[in-house]
C-alpha atoms as a PDB file:
ATOM      1  CA  MET A   1       0.000   0.000   0.000  1.00  0.00           C
ATOM      2  CA  GLY A   2       2.848   2.367   0.853  1.00  0.00           C
ATOM      3  CA  ILE A   3       4.425   1.811  -2.562  1.00  0.00           C
ATOM      4  CA  LEU A   4       1.183   2.858  -4.243  1.00  0.00           C
ATOM      5  CA  LEU A   5       1.117   6.082  -2.229  1.00  0.00           C
ATOM      6  CA  ILE A   6       4.693   6.889  -3.235  1.00  0.00           C
ATOM      7  CA  LYS A   7       3.939   6.169  -6.893  1.00  0.00           C
ATOM      8  CA  ALA A   8       0.872   8.391  -6.768  1.00  0.00           C
ATOM      9  CA  TYR A   9       2.759  11.188  -5.005  1.00  0.00           C
ATOM     10  CA  GLU A  10       5.631  11.040  -7.504  1.00  0.00           C
ATOM     11  CA  GLU A  11       3.160  10.669 -10.414  1.00  0.00           C
ATOM     12  CA  ARG A  12       4.850   7.514 -11.655  1.00  0.00           C
ATOM     13  CA  ASP A  13       3.298   5.265 -14.271  1.00  0.00           C
ATOM     14  CA  THR A  14       2.085   1.963 -12.894  1.00  0.00           C
ATOM     15  CA  ALA A  15       1.009  -1.213 -14.639  1.00  0.00           C
ATOM     16  CA  ILE A  16      -0.789  -4.119 -13.040  1.00  0.00           C
ATOM     17  CA  PHE A  17      -1.387  -7.534 -14.575  1.00  0.00           C
ATOM     18  CA  ASP A  18      -2.904 -10.826 -13.582  1.00  0.00           C
ATOM     19  CA  VAL A  19      -2.145 -14.336 -14.771  1.00  0.00           C
ATOM     20  CA  PRO A  20      -5.346 -16.383 -14.442  1.00  0.00           C
ATOM     21  CA  GLY A  21      -4.668 -19.573 -12.499  1.00  0.00           C
ATOM     22  CA  ALA A  22      -1.042 -18.507 -12.072  1.00  0.00           C
ATOM     23  CA  TYR A  23      -0.042 -21.200  -9.593  1.00  0.00           C
ATOM     24  CA  LEU A  24      -1.513 -23.906 -11.810  1.00  0.00           C
ATOM     25  CA  HIS A  25       1.132 -23.146 -14.455  1.00  0.00           C
ATOM     26  CA  ALA A  26       4.011 -24.026 -12.116  1.00  0.00           C
ATOM     27  CA  LYS A  27       5.065 -27.676 -12.100  1.00  0.00           C
ATOM     28  CA  ILE A  28       6.145 -29.410  -8.909  1.00  0.00           C
ATOM     29  CA  PRO A  29       9.732 -30.638  -9.415  1.00  0.00           C
ATOM     30  CA  ASP A  30      10.220 -34.362  -9.997  1.00  0.00           C
ATOM     31  CA  ASP A  31      12.279 -34.674  -6.814  1.00  0.00           C
ATOM     32  CA  LYS A  32       9.322 -33.433  -4.715  1.00  0.00           C
ATOM     33  CA  PHE A  33       6.277 -35.529  -3.903  1.00  0.00           C
ATOM     34  CA  ALA A  34       2.965 -34.001  -2.815  1.00  0.00           C
ATOM     35  CA  ILE A  35      -0.180 -35.955  -1.973  1.00  0.00           C
ATOM     36  CA  LEU A  36      -3.707 -34.564  -1.623  1.00  0.00           C
ATOM     37  CA  LYS A  37      -6.245 -36.409   0.504  1.00  0.00           C
ATOM     38  CA  ILE A  38      -9.801 -36.041  -0.807  1.00  0.00           C
ATOM     39  CA  GLU A  39     -12.642 -36.893   1.586  1.00  0.00           C
ATOM     40  CA  GLY A  40     -16.408 -37.004   1.744  1.00  0.00           C
ATOM     41  CA  GLU A  41     -18.617 -35.893  -1.133  1.00  0.00           C
ATOM     42  CA  PHE A  42     -15.626 -34.958  -3.271  1.00  0.00           C
ATOM     43  CA  VAL A  43     -14.713 -38.647  -3.496  1.00  0.00           C
ATOM     44  CA  ASP A  44     -18.123 -39.330  -5.046  1.00  0.00           C
ATOM     45  CA  ILE A  45     -17.626 -36.451  -7.476  1.00  0.00           C
ATOM     46  CA  MET A  46     -14.256 -37.876  -8.551  1.00  0.00           C
ATOM     47  CA  TYR A  47     -15.874 -41.281  -9.027  1.00  0.00           C
ATOM     48  CA  ASP A  48     -18.696 -39.723 -11.098  1.00  0.00           C
ATOM     49  CA  VAL A  49     -16.125 -37.996 -13.321  1.00  0.00           C
ATOM     50  CA  ASN A  50     -14.160 -41.197 -13.872  1.00  0.00           C
ATOM     51  CA  PRO A  51     -15.547 -44.552 -12.671  1.00  0.00           C
ATOM     52  CA  GLU A  52     -12.064 -46.083 -13.069  1.00  0.00           C
ATOM     53  CA  TYR A  53     -11.156 -44.399  -9.764  1.00  0.00           C
ATOM     54  CA  LYS A  54     -13.440 -46.826  -7.910  1.00  0.00           C
ATOM     55  CA  ASP A  55     -10.579 -49.221  -7.104  1.00  0.00           C
ATOM     56  CA  ASP A  56      -8.522 -46.365  -5.627  1.00  0.00           C
ATOM     57  CA  VAL A  57     -11.153 -45.305  -3.071  1.00  0.00           C
ATOM     58  CA  ARG A  58     -10.233 -46.253   0.494  1.00  0.00           C
ATOM     59  CA  TYR A  59     -12.093 -46.130   3.787  1.00  0.00           C
ATOM     60  CA  GLU A  60     -10.620 -44.507   6.883  1.00  0.00           C
ATOM     61  CA  ASN A  61     -12.699 -44.389  10.064  1.00  0.00           C
ATOM     62  CA  GLY A  62     -15.768 -45.268   7.995  1.00  0.00           C
ATOM     63  CA  LYS A  63     -15.248 -42.355   5.558  1.00  0.00           C
ATOM     64  CA  LYS A  64     -14.401 -42.603   1.878  1.00  0.00           C
ATOM     65  CA  VAL A  65     -10.984 -41.172   1.047  1.00  0.00           C
ATOM     66  CA  PHE A  66      -9.104 -40.804  -2.200  1.00  0.00           C
ATOM     67  CA  TYR A  67      -5.419 -39.894  -2.491  1.00  0.00           C
ATOM     68  CA  VAL A  68      -3.992 -38.117  -5.531  1.00  0.00           C
ATOM     69  CA  GLN A  69      -0.492 -36.957  -6.412  1.00  0.00           C
ATOM     70  CA  ILE A  70      -0.218 -33.217  -7.005  1.00  0.00           C
ATOM     71  CA  LEU A  71       1.728 -32.453 -10.202  1.00  0.00           C
ATOM     72  CA  MET A  72       1.229 -28.689 -10.422  1.00  0.00           C
ATOM     73  CA  ALA A  73       1.371 -25.964  -7.778  1.00  0.00           C
ATOM     74  CA  LEU A  74      -1.923 -25.581  -5.961  1.00  0.00           C
ATOM     75  CA  TYR A  75      -3.358 -22.618  -4.071  1.00  0.00           C
ATOM     76  CA  GLY A  76      -2.874 -23.219  -0.353  1.00  0.00           C
ATOM     77  CA  MET A  77       0.382 -25.154  -0.670  1.00  0.00           C
ATOM     78  CA  ILE A  78       3.295 -23.491   1.106  1.00  0.00           C
ATOM     79  CA  GLU A  79       5.722 -23.904  -1.791  1.00  0.00           C
ATOM     80  CA  SER A  80       3.314 -22.737  -4.524  1.00  0.00           C
ATOM     81  CA  ALA A  81       4.330 -19.074  -4.348  1.00  0.00           C
ATOM     82  CA  LEU A  82       8.004 -19.967  -4.788  1.00  0.00           C
ATOM     83  CA  LEU A  83       7.245 -22.370  -7.655  1.00  0.00           C
ATOM     84  CA  TRP A  84       5.213 -19.678  -9.426  1.00  0.00           C
ATOM     85  CA  TYR A  85       7.877 -17.020  -8.825  1.00  0.00           C
ATOM     86  CA  THR A  86      10.590 -19.322 -10.177  1.00  0.00           C
ATOM     87  CA  LEU A  87       8.552 -20.028 -13.327  1.00  0.00           C
ATOM     88  CA  TYR A  88       7.773 -16.323 -13.759  1.00  0.00           C
ATOM     89  CA  VAL A  89      11.459 -15.357 -13.534  1.00  0.00           C
ATOM     90  CA  GLU A  90      12.450 -18.129 -15.979  1.00  0.00           C
ATOM     91  CA  VAL A  91       9.903 -16.897 -18.524  1.00  0.00           C
ATOM     92  CA  LEU A  92      11.082 -13.287 -18.171  1.00  0.00           C
ATOM     93  CA  HIS A  93      14.701 -14.320 -18.708  1.00  0.00           C
ATOM     94  CA  LYS A  94      13.771 -16.279 -21.870  1.00  0.00           C
ATOM     95  CA  GLU A  95      11.917 -13.340 -23.380  1.00  0.00           C
END
C-alpha cells in the first residue's frame, strides 16, 4: 500500500497484470512428492467424473478417502508461491 502512495505522489506510471490460475502453471519438481487427501462428497464427485477411480477409493474411520499426487502448484500449498515465482522469472529471462 505504501508503494502505491509513493507512486501516486511522484506521479509515476504503474502497470498491473494478472495471470489467471497462475499457480496452476508451475510444475512441482520431480524430486518433490505431494499428496492430496480427498474426503467425503468430493470422493463421489471424482468417481462420477471417472468410474475407473473406484478401485482407488479407500475407507478410513468409515469415511471414503481418495489420495492423488499433485503435479502442479496448488493454491494453499506453502511452496506454490516460490514455484510460481521461479517459473515467472524463468519466462522473463527467456523473453
